[in-house]
Amino acid sequence: MLSSSTPLVEILSKLTVKPSEPNPSSTAGGQRHHLTPWDVSMLNAHYIQKGLLFTNLPPLSINHILHRLKTSLAAALQHFYPLAGRLANQKVIGKDGKVAGFQFHVDCNGEGADFIHAVAGNITAGDVLASGKDIPSFVKSFFPLDGAINHDGHSAPLLAVQVTELAGGGVFVACSFNHVVGDGTAYWHFFNAWAEIARFKADHTGAGVKLSRPPVHRRWFIDGENPPITLPFSDTSEFIERFSPPRLRERFFHFSCDSLAGLKARANHESRTTSTENTVTISSLQALAALVWRSITRARRFPPEQLTSCRLSIQNRSRLSPPLSADYFGNSIYALKSTVSAGELEANGLGWAARRVNSVISSHADAAVRRLLREYHAAPAVYKMTMYDPESVMMASSPRFDMYGCDFGWGKPSAVRCGAANKFDGKVSSFPGREGGGSVDLEVCLLPEVMENLLRDNEFTASVSSS
């Protein structure tokens, strides 16, 4: 049990890990890695912060474990070489001699990633799991580069790893991954490849490992639009914004495959009995998004006329024609939304809400993706965290990411947890349930009073398998 004293995470060492061999880009046309609209628009976001708890370690010394992780990371960086670089920019000078814009790229210079060894002397794996409780605040101390935004990658590493020893055995392996370099799909592709290298070689050097899924680094732009993209600003202060969230309560909720099957059946039944359009089939994840949207909106105690949105992080790789490779290493996501009034959302039921979610997703095909890209090229911009209005729910991450396949040679992780990055009131992140079978875990971030109301919401709690 966690002691009553404030838990501390002590940094024991910090070093730089560089690719184990020369950067492949050096022989493939130079080190400059151009950014797409999906990439450059992320300059204000925080680094992606996700990590895995391992409690089933073999009887090896911590030094042996750290050596395996460091050497395999060096080999992984050879394959995912942009992560060992730094952001760079060039100023565009107008005819009047003044700065008229900025162009950004990744300099694949092999400068390296941070590798940090830490110890949490009074924090156990049970404390991290905190079953049935809010996520402990100390979890954020497992993640390096806390508070950094992606623009900081000009001087900060684009990847930082922290391995934290826990009391009573076990380690927490966390990555802070610059979101300009890639999205959640890219993040978990890298994490799984790193683990694959670590378990592949008995000597754990990882040298010469051929990945089962090598990353695709060639940047993708729509026809007629070539890099680099110019952001039309005269100073970075015009588009860089740092975001500090309000005090939040964060909690994991588990939904078993049986619970999700029941939600799906209910949503489809309601949808077909309240609409003349009977050809739509609601998926379990769409039904879950509708449940969360309705439940959080009720918990916020909005008046009936208040507009509320369900925002959905949608990846574009498979929606393009021809599709991008699933191994495309970069960003390829949009945050789409459906907006209705709180009164409509409550009065019309789960199936009605799920149809709105379904409509947003099904309409996001090749033509829609290309239209959004052309609009961006016509007016380049950088997203700001303050764009997420306090009346919305944002569904991010995905239970389709292979998080529990990250086996470094110690077996399956015991849990996935997140850092403090990119969190705000109404942020909901989806993860696969550890038992598999289509189960889902949700990390929900809400204002304290809203979380308290959600925990009393009958429709929501009836579907939660455990929390």
Protein backbone atom coordinates (compact mmCIF):
# COMPACT_ATOMS: atom_id res chain seq x y z
CA MET A 1 0.00 0.00 0.00
CA LEU A 2 1.16 3.50 -0.82
CA SER A 3 2.59 5.23 2.21
CA SER A 4 1.03 8.41 3.52
CA SER A 5 4.10 10.40 2.55
CA THR A 6 4.19 12.10 -0.82
CA PRO A 7 5.36 9.55 -3.42
CA LEU A 8 8.57 10.54 -5.12
CA VAL A 9 10.11 9.43 -8.38
CA GLU A 10 13.87 9.88 -8.34
CA ILE A 11 15.86 10.16 -11.56
CA LEU A 12 18.97 7.99 -11.26
CA SER A 13 20.48 8.50 -14.71
CA LYS A 14 19.83 10.13 -18.06
CA LEU A 15 21.69 9.47 -21.28
CA THR A 16 21.32 9.84 -25.03
CA VAL A 17 20.63 6.81 -27.23
CA LYS A 18 21.52 7.16 -30.90
CA PRO A 19 20.69 4.90 -33.86
CA SER A 20 22.87 1.81 -33.89
CA GLU A 21 23.93 2.43 -37.51
CA PRO A 22 24.12 5.48 -39.82
CA ASN A 23 20.83 7.14 -40.72
CA PRO A 24 19.34 5.50 -43.86
CA SER A 25 18.13 8.93 -45.03
CA SER A 26 21.75 9.95 -45.60
CA THR A 27 21.82 7.69 -48.65
CA ALA A 28 18.24 8.36 -49.68
CA GLY A 29 18.31 12.01 -50.65
CA GLY A 30 19.37 13.86 -47.51
CA GLN A 31 18.27 14.34 -43.93
CA ARG A 32 15.33 16.72 -44.41
CA HIS A 33 11.98 15.13 -43.58
CA HIS A 34 9.19 17.36 -44.90
CA LEU A 35 6.01 17.80 -42.88
CA THR A 36 2.50 17.24 -44.22
CA PRO A 37 -0.53 19.34 -43.17
CA TRP A 38 -1.37 16.62 -40.64
CA ASP A 39 2.13 16.98 -39.14
CA VAL A 40 2.70 20.73 -39.08
CA SER A 41 -0.76 21.45 -37.65
CA MET A 42 0.34 19.60 -34.47
CA LEU A 43 3.04 22.08 -33.40
CA ASN A 44 1.02 23.27 -30.38
CA ALA A 45 -0.07 19.88 -29.09
CA HIS A 46 1.78 18.13 -26.29
CA TYR A 47 3.95 15.09 -26.90
CA ILE A 48 2.07 11.79 -26.95
CA GLN A 49 2.57 10.21 -23.51
CA LYS A 50 1.70 6.54 -23.14
CA GLY A 51 3.35 3.83 -21.07
CA LEU A 52 3.12 0.20 -20.05
CA LEU A 53 3.28 -1.46 -16.64
CA PHE A 54 5.24 -4.74 -16.49
CA THR A 55 4.89 -6.87 -13.36
CA ASN A 56 6.04 -10.26 -14.66
CA LEU A 57 9.76 -9.57 -15.05
CA PRO A 58 12.19 -12.49 -15.21
CA PRO A 59 14.79 -12.91 -12.42
CA LEU A 60 17.23 -10.48 -14.05
CA SER A 61 19.06 -7.54 -12.55
CA ILE A 62 17.77 -4.07 -13.36
CA ASN A 63 21.07 -3.39 -15.13
CA HIS A 64 20.44 -6.34 -17.45
CA ILE A 65 16.93 -5.06 -18.19
CA LEU A 66 18.15 -1.52 -18.84
CA HIS A 67 20.88 -2.81 -21.16
CA ARG A 68 18.32 -4.76 -23.18
CA LEU A 69 16.08 -1.71 -23.48
CA LYS A 70 18.90 0.69 -24.43
CA THR A 71 20.50 -1.50 -27.07
CA SER A 72 17.19 -2.47 -28.64
CA LEU A 73 16.12 1.20 -28.62
CA ALA A 74 19.27 2.10 -30.56
CA ALA A 75 18.36 -0.55 -33.13
CA ALA A 76 14.75 0.68 -33.27
CA LEU A 77 15.94 4.23 -33.92
CA GLN A 78 17.82 2.94 -36.94
CA HIS A 79 14.45 1.97 -38.43
CA PHE A 80 12.47 4.91 -37.03
CA TYR A 81 15.25 7.43 -37.64
CA PRO A 82 13.12 10.64 -37.61
CA LEU A 83 12.67 10.08 -33.86
CA ALA A 84 16.41 10.54 -33.37
CA GLY A 85 16.34 13.95 -35.09
CA ARG A 86 15.17 17.43 -34.19
CA LEU A 87 12.67 19.90 -35.61
CA ALA A 88 14.04 22.72 -37.74
CA ASN A 89 12.54 25.69 -39.51
CA GLN A 90 13.34 28.24 -42.14
CA LYS A 91 12.01 31.78 -42.32
CA VAL A 92 10.43 32.90 -45.57
CA ILE A 93 11.37 36.48 -46.38
CA GLY A 94 8.89 38.62 -48.29
CA LYS A 95 9.58 41.23 -50.96
CA ASP A 96 9.65 43.89 -48.27
CA GLY A 97 12.51 42.11 -46.53
CA LYS A 98 10.38 41.10 -43.57
CA VAL A 99 9.50 37.61 -42.33
CA ALA A 100 6.44 36.40 -44.25
CA GLY A 101 6.25 32.81 -43.09
CA PHE A 102 7.84 29.71 -41.58
CA GLN A 103 8.60 26.31 -43.06
CA PHE A 104 9.17 23.33 -40.76
CA HIS A 105 10.83 19.96 -41.23
CA VAL A 106 12.47 17.18 -39.22
CA ASP A 107 16.24 17.23 -39.44
CA CYS A 108 17.10 13.52 -39.34
CA ASN A 109 20.51 14.26 -37.85
CA GLY A 110 20.75 11.25 -35.53
CA GLU A 111 21.17 13.47 -32.49
CA GLY A 112 19.40 10.83 -30.43
CA ALA A 113 16.62 10.15 -27.92
CA ASP A 114 16.67 10.52 -24.14
CA PHE A 115 16.79 7.36 -22.01
CA ILE A 116 16.04 7.88 -18.33
CA HIS A 117 16.31 5.43 -15.43
CA ALA A 118 14.19 6.32 -12.41
CA VAL A 119 13.06 4.67 -9.20
CA ALA A 120 9.80 5.04 -7.27
CA GLY A 121 10.75 3.67 -3.88
CA ASN A 122 7.30 3.78 -2.30
CA ILE A 123 5.00 3.19 -5.29
CA THR A 124 3.87 -0.36 -6.08
CA ALA A 125 2.21 -1.83 -9.16
CA GLY A 126 -1.03 -1.98 -7.16
CA ASP A 127 -0.81 1.75 -6.54
CA VAL A 128 -0.44 2.36 -10.27
CA LEU A 129 -3.45 0.19 -11.12
CA ALA A 130 -5.64 1.94 -8.49
CA SER A 131 -8.57 -0.34 -9.31
CA GLY A 132 -11.90 1.36 -8.68
CA LYS A 133 -10.26 4.70 -7.94
CA ASP A 134 -9.15 7.84 -9.75
CA ILE A 135 -5.81 7.60 -11.53
CA PRO A 136 -3.15 8.68 -9.01
CA SER A 137 -1.48 12.01 -9.73
CA PHE A 138 1.99 10.46 -9.37
CA VAL A 139 1.55 8.57 -12.67
CA LYS A 140 2.44 11.73 -14.59
CA SER A 141 5.90 11.65 -12.99
CA PHE A 142 6.64 8.44 -14.93
CA PHE A 143 6.72 10.48 -18.14
CA PRO A 144 9.57 12.72 -19.32
CA LEU A 145 9.10 16.07 -21.08
CA ASP A 146 5.97 16.81 -19.07
CA GLY A 147 4.35 20.01 -20.34
CA ALA A 148 6.45 20.15 -23.51
CA ILE A 149 4.69 21.07 -26.73
CA ASN A 150 5.79 19.65 -30.07
CA HIS A 151 7.38 22.94 -31.16
CA ASP A 152 9.89 22.38 -28.33
CA GLY A 153 11.33 19.59 -30.47
CA HIS A 154 13.68 22.15 -32.00
CA SER A 155 15.90 21.72 -28.93
CA ALA A 156 14.31 18.86 -26.98
CA PRO A 157 14.53 15.26 -28.22
CA LEU A 158 11.64 14.04 -30.35
CA LEU A 159 11.52 10.88 -28.24
CA ALA A 160 12.23 10.42 -24.55
CA VAL A 161 11.93 7.10 -22.71
CA GLN A 162 11.71 6.68 -18.94
CA VAL A 163 12.02 3.31 -17.19
CA THR A 164 10.79 3.55 -13.59
CA GLU A 165 11.48 0.79 -11.06
CA LEU A 166 8.57 0.18 -8.69
CA ALA A 167 8.58 -0.96 -5.08
CA GLY A 168 7.96 -4.68 -4.74
CA GLY A 169 9.06 -5.43 -8.30
CA GLY A 170 7.97 -4.36 -11.74
CA VAL A 171 8.80 -1.47 -14.04
CA PHE A 172 6.87 1.18 -15.88
CA VAL A 173 8.15 1.89 -19.41
CA ALA A 174 6.96 5.26 -20.69
CA CYS A 175 7.52 7.16 -23.92
CA SER A 176 7.04 10.82 -24.70
CA PHE A 177 6.79 10.98 -28.50
CA ASN A 178 6.63 14.22 -30.51
CA HIS A 179 3.19 14.39 -32.14
CA VAL A 180 4.58 16.24 -35.18
CA VAL A 181 6.50 13.06 -36.04
CA GLY A 182 3.51 10.75 -35.84
CA ASP A 183 0.04 9.95 -34.51
CA GLY A 184 -1.21 7.14 -32.26
CA THR A 185 -0.92 4.59 -35.07
CA ALA A 186 2.72 5.57 -35.58
CA TYR A 187 3.38 5.65 -31.83
CA TRP A 188 2.24 2.07 -31.20
CA HIS A 189 3.94 0.90 -34.41
CA PHE A 190 7.22 2.18 -32.97
CA PHE A 191 6.58 0.77 -29.47
CA ASN A 192 5.78 -2.69 -30.84
CA ALA A 193 8.82 -2.65 -33.16
CA TRP A 194 11.07 -1.71 -30.25
CA ALA A 195 9.67 -4.63 -28.24
CA GLU A 196 10.06 -6.95 -31.23
CA ILE A 197 13.76 -6.08 -31.50
CA ALA A 198 14.27 -6.50 -27.74
CA ARG A 199 12.98 -10.07 -27.71
CA PHE A 200 14.43 -11.12 -31.08
CA LYS A 201 18.11 -11.44 -30.24
CA ALA A 202 19.50 -13.46 -27.37
CA ASP A 203 22.33 -10.93 -26.99
CA HIS A 204 19.77 -8.11 -27.08
CA THR A 205 21.79 -5.93 -29.43
CA GLY A 206 19.03 -6.07 -32.01
CA ALA A 207 21.62 -5.62 -34.76
CA GLY A 208 20.41 -6.72 -38.17
CA VAL A 209 16.82 -7.36 -37.08
CA LYS A 210 14.35 -7.28 -39.97
CA LEU A 211 11.10 -5.91 -38.63
CA SER A 212 7.86 -7.71 -39.38
CA ARG A 213 6.38 -4.27 -40.17
CA PRO A 214 9.05 -1.81 -41.33
CA PRO A 215 7.86 1.81 -41.26
CA VAL A 216 7.03 3.71 -44.46
CA HIS A 217 8.77 7.10 -44.23
CA ARG A 218 7.93 8.66 -47.59
CA ARG A 219 5.71 11.67 -46.92
CA TRP A 220 2.33 11.78 -48.62
CA PHE A 221 0.83 14.91 -50.19
CA ILE A 222 -2.26 15.26 -52.36
CA ASP A 223 -1.69 15.76 -56.09
CA GLY A 224 -0.63 19.27 -56.97
CA GLU A 225 0.56 20.18 -53.47
CA ASN A 226 4.27 19.88 -52.84
CA PRO A 227 6.35 20.52 -49.71
CA PRO A 228 7.33 22.56 -47.89
CA ILE A 229 4.23 24.12 -46.35
CA THR A 230 4.55 27.79 -45.44
CA LEU A 231 2.78 28.98 -42.30
CA PRO A 232 1.85 32.61 -43.09
CA PHE A 233 3.09 34.27 -39.91
CA SER A 234 5.79 36.84 -39.19
CA ASP A 235 6.60 35.55 -35.70
CA THR A 236 6.14 32.23 -33.89
CA SER A 237 4.20 34.04 -31.13
CA GLU A 238 1.36 34.40 -33.63
CA PHE A 239 0.68 30.67 -33.72
CA ILE A 240 2.41 29.03 -30.74
CA GLU A 241 0.21 28.55 -27.67
CA ARG A 242 0.93 26.75 -24.40
CA PHE A 243 -1.99 25.05 -22.71
CA SER A 244 -2.44 24.29 -19.02
CA PRO A 245 -5.55 22.26 -18.21
CA PRO A 246 -7.78 22.95 -15.22
CA ARG A 247 -7.78 20.55 -12.27
CA LEU A 248 -9.24 17.29 -13.52
CA ARG A 249 -10.29 13.93 -12.18
CA GLU A 250 -9.10 11.04 -14.34
CA ARG A 251 -10.46 7.53 -14.16
CA PHE A 252 -10.38 4.24 -16.09
CA PHE A 253 -13.65 2.45 -16.88
CA HIS A 254 -13.78 -1.09 -18.23
CA PHE A 255 -16.35 -2.38 -20.72
CA SER A 256 -16.42 -6.13 -21.29
CA CYS A 257 -17.19 -7.66 -24.67
CA ASP A 258 -20.60 -8.72 -23.33
CA SER A 259 -21.38 -5.20 -22.14
CA LEU A 260 -20.39 -3.75 -25.52
CA ALA A 261 -22.47 -6.35 -27.35
CA GLY A 262 -25.46 -5.28 -25.28
CA LEU A 263 -24.84 -1.59 -26.06
CA LYS A 264 -24.53 -2.37 -29.76
CA ALA A 265 -27.75 -4.38 -29.81
CA ARG A 266 -29.62 -1.66 -27.93
CA ALA A 267 -28.30 1.12 -30.20
CA ASN A 268 -29.24 -0.77 -33.37
CA HIS A 269 -32.70 -1.64 -32.05
CA GLU A 270 -33.41 1.98 -31.08
CA SER A 271 -31.96 3.26 -34.35
CA ARG A 272 -34.20 1.02 -36.46
CA THR A 273 -37.37 1.74 -34.50
CA THR A 274 -36.94 5.53 -34.56
CA SER A 275 -35.82 6.03 -38.16
CA THR A 276 -37.10 5.17 -41.62
CA GLU A 277 -33.47 4.61 -42.67
CA ASN A 278 -32.86 1.01 -41.64
CA THR A 279 -29.69 0.26 -43.61
CA VAL A 280 -27.31 1.76 -41.03
CA THR A 281 -25.54 -0.68 -38.72
CA ILE A 282 -24.14 0.79 -35.51
CA SER A 283 -20.83 -0.68 -34.35
CA SER A 284 -20.02 -1.38 -30.72
CA LEU A 285 -17.52 1.51 -30.62
CA GLN A 286 -20.07 3.91 -32.10
CA ALA A 287 -22.60 2.81 -29.48
CA LEU A 288 -19.98 3.32 -26.77
CA ALA A 289 -19.16 6.83 -28.05
CA ALA A 290 -22.87 7.68 -28.00
CA LEU A 291 -23.20 6.40 -24.43
CA VAL A 292 -20.24 8.48 -23.28
CA TRP A 293 -21.50 11.59 -25.09
CA ARG A 294 -24.97 11.32 -23.56
CA SER A 295 -23.71 10.46 -20.08
CA ILE A 296 -21.11 13.24 -19.85
CA THR A 297 -23.59 15.78 -21.24
CA ARG A 298 -26.09 14.82 -18.52
CA ALA A 299 -23.31 14.98 -15.91
CA ARG A 300 -22.54 18.54 -17.00
CA ARG A 301 -26.14 19.58 -16.22
CA PHE A 302 -26.52 21.55 -19.44
CA PRO A 303 -29.80 23.34 -20.20
CA PRO A 304 -31.75 21.72 -23.07
CA GLU A 305 -30.81 24.44 -25.58
CA GLN A 306 -27.05 24.13 -25.01
CA LEU A 307 -25.22 22.81 -28.08
CA THR A 308 -22.84 19.93 -27.44
CA SER A 309 -20.47 18.06 -29.74
CA CYS A 310 -18.99 14.60 -29.93
CA ARG A 311 -15.55 14.91 -31.50
CA LEU A 312 -13.96 11.80 -32.96
CA SER A 313 -10.30 11.29 -33.79
CA ILE A 314 -10.44 9.56 -37.18
CA GLN A 315 -7.38 8.16 -38.97
CA ASN A 316 -7.24 8.55 -42.74
CA ARG A 317 -4.86 5.81 -43.92
CA SER A 318 -7.53 3.32 -44.94
CA ARG A 319 -10.01 5.99 -46.07
CA LEU A 320 -7.89 7.29 -48.94
CA SER A 321 -8.12 5.76 -52.39
CA PRO A 322 -5.70 4.19 -52.93
CA PRO A 323 -5.17 3.74 -49.19
CA LEU A 324 -2.02 4.76 -47.38
CA SER A 325 -0.01 1.90 -45.97
CA ALA A 326 -1.01 0.91 -42.44
CA ASP A 327 2.72 1.30 -41.71
CA TYR A 328 2.86 4.93 -42.88
CA PHE A 329 4.97 6.64 -40.22
CA GLY A 330 3.55 10.09 -39.66
CA ASN A 331 0.27 11.75 -38.81
CA SER A 332 -2.90 10.94 -40.71
CA ILE A 333 -5.82 11.96 -38.50
CA TYR A 334 -8.67 14.43 -38.29
CA ALA A 335 -10.92 15.37 -35.37
CA LEU A 336 -14.46 15.34 -36.78
CA LYS A 337 -17.58 16.24 -34.86
CA SER A 338 -21.34 15.93 -34.61
CA THR A 339 -23.23 18.75 -32.86
CA VAL A 340 -26.74 18.69 -31.40
CA SER A 341 -28.53 20.29 -28.46
CA ALA A 342 -28.35 18.71 -25.02
CA GLY A 343 -32.15 18.40 -25.06
CA GLU A 344 -32.14 16.49 -28.35
CA LEU A 345 -29.36 14.22 -27.17
CA GLU A 346 -31.26 13.28 -24.02
CA ALA A 347 -34.75 12.99 -25.52
CA ASN A 348 -33.92 10.85 -28.55
CA GLY A 349 -32.01 8.01 -26.94
CA LEU A 350 -28.84 6.02 -27.48
CA GLY A 351 -29.67 4.80 -31.00
CA TRP A 352 -30.32 8.34 -32.26
CA ALA A 353 -27.02 9.58 -30.84
CA ALA A 354 -25.16 6.59 -32.26
CA ARG A 355 -26.57 7.32 -35.74
CA ARG A 356 -25.05 10.80 -35.55
CA VAL A 357 -21.70 9.29 -34.65
CA ASN A 358 -22.06 6.74 -37.46
CA SER A 359 -22.91 9.47 -39.98
CA VAL A 360 -19.76 11.46 -39.19
CA ILE A 361 -17.55 8.39 -39.55
CA SER A 362 -19.17 6.92 -42.69
CA SER A 363 -19.05 10.24 -44.57
CA HIS A 364 -15.30 10.60 -44.00
CA ALA A 365 -14.03 8.96 -47.18
CA ASP A 366 -11.41 9.80 -49.82
CA ALA A 367 -13.19 12.87 -51.22
CA ALA A 368 -13.71 14.36 -47.75
CA VAL A 369 -10.07 13.81 -46.75
CA ARG A 370 -8.80 15.44 -49.95
CA ARG A 371 -11.20 18.37 -49.56
CA LEU A 372 -9.92 19.05 -46.03
CA LEU A 373 -6.31 18.86 -47.23
CA ARG A 374 -6.96 21.33 -50.06
CA GLU A 375 -8.62 23.69 -47.60
CA TYR A 376 -5.57 23.46 -45.39
CA HIS A 377 -3.15 24.19 -48.22
CA ALA A 378 -5.25 27.26 -49.08
CA ALA A 379 -5.05 28.53 -45.47
CA PRO A 380 -2.36 26.74 -43.42
CA ALA A 381 -2.80 26.91 -39.65
CA VAL A 382 -1.70 25.33 -36.39
CA TYR A 383 -4.28 23.71 -34.11
CA LYS A 384 -4.66 25.15 -30.62
CA MET A 385 -5.74 23.15 -27.59
CA THR A 386 -8.21 25.91 -26.70
CA MET A 387 -10.19 24.99 -29.84
CA TYR A 388 -11.76 22.14 -27.85
CA ASP A 389 -14.83 23.81 -26.44
CA PRO A 390 -15.95 22.93 -22.89
CA GLU A 391 -19.28 21.63 -24.18
CA SER A 392 -17.74 18.81 -26.23
CA VAL A 393 -16.58 15.26 -25.64
CA MET A 394 -13.40 14.24 -27.48
CA MET A 395 -12.99 10.54 -28.27
CA ALA A 396 -9.29 9.82 -28.93
CA SER A 397 -6.86 6.90 -29.20
CA SER A 398 -8.21 3.50 -30.29
CA PRO A 399 -8.86 0.03 -28.85
CA ARG A 400 -7.52 -1.31 -32.14
CA PHE A 401 -3.96 -0.27 -31.26
CA ASP A 402 -1.87 -3.29 -30.27
CA MET A 403 -0.82 -2.08 -26.83
CA TYR A 404 -0.71 -5.44 -25.09
CA GLY A 405 1.40 -6.96 -27.87
CA CYS A 406 4.42 -4.95 -26.67
CA ASP A 407 6.38 -7.90 -25.29
CA PHE A 408 10.04 -7.11 -24.55
CA GLY A 409 10.67 -10.73 -23.66
CA TRP A 410 8.87 -10.51 -20.30
CA GLY A 411 5.38 -11.33 -21.52
CA LYS A 412 2.26 -9.23 -21.77
CA PRO A 413 2.04 -5.83 -20.02
CA SER A 414 -0.24 -5.57 -17.01
CA ALA A 415 -1.72 -2.18 -17.86
CA VAL A 416 -1.43 0.90 -20.05
CA ARG A 417 -1.45 4.39 -18.54
CA CYS A 418 -1.09 7.94 -19.87
CA GLY A 419 0.79 11.04 -18.83
CA ALA A 420 -0.70 14.49 -18.34
CA ALA A 421 -0.30 15.49 -22.00
CA ASN A 422 -3.20 16.68 -24.15
CA LYS A 423 -5.81 16.35 -21.40
CA PHE A 424 -8.77 18.63 -20.83
CA ASP A 425 -12.33 18.45 -19.56
CA GLY A 426 -14.17 15.96 -21.76
CA LYS A 427 -11.13 14.10 -23.13
CA VAL A 428 -11.84 10.37 -23.42
CA SER A 429 -9.14 7.95 -24.61
CA SER A 430 -9.92 4.40 -25.75
CA PHE A 431 -7.72 1.37 -25.11
CA PRO A 432 -8.11 -2.38 -25.63
CA GLY A 433 -9.10 -4.29 -22.53
CA ARG A 434 -6.27 -6.48 -21.29
CA GLU A 435 -8.32 -9.67 -21.60
CA GLY A 436 -8.92 -8.99 -25.30
CA GLY A 437 -12.02 -10.34 -27.00
CA GLY A 438 -13.15 -6.87 -28.04
CA SER A 439 -13.25 -5.43 -24.52
CA VAL A 440 -12.45 -1.73 -24.12
CA ASP A 441 -11.01 0.50 -21.42
CA LEU A 442 -11.77 4.22 -21.40
CA GLU A 443 -9.71 6.86 -19.65
CA VAL A 444 -12.12 9.71 -18.88
CA CYS A 445 -10.92 13.21 -17.87
CA LEU A 446 -13.51 15.55 -16.34
CA LEU A 447 -13.88 18.46 -13.97
CA PRO A 448 -14.25 17.08 -10.42
CA GLU A 449 -17.95 17.90 -10.05
CA VAL A 450 -18.74 16.44 -13.48
CA MET A 451 -16.91 13.20 -12.67
CA GLU A 452 -18.88 12.93 -9.45
CA ASN A 453 -22.12 13.24 -11.42
CA LEU A 454 -20.95 10.69 -14.00
CA LEU A 455 -20.28 8.12 -11.26
CA ARG A 456 -23.97 8.48 -10.28
CA ASP A 457 -25.30 8.25 -13.85
CA ASN A 458 -27.41 5.09 -14.06
CA GLU A 459 -27.19 4.61 -17.83
CA PHE A 460 -23.42 4.87 -17.75
CA THR A 461 -22.72 2.79 -14.67
CA ALA A 462 -25.06 0.03 -15.85
CA SER A 463 -22.75 -0.57 -18.82
CA VAL A 464 -19.45 -0.33 -16.94
CA SER A 465 -18.03 -3.74 -16.12
CA SER A 466 -15.55 -2.39 -13.58
CA SER A 467 -13.84 0.93 -12.90
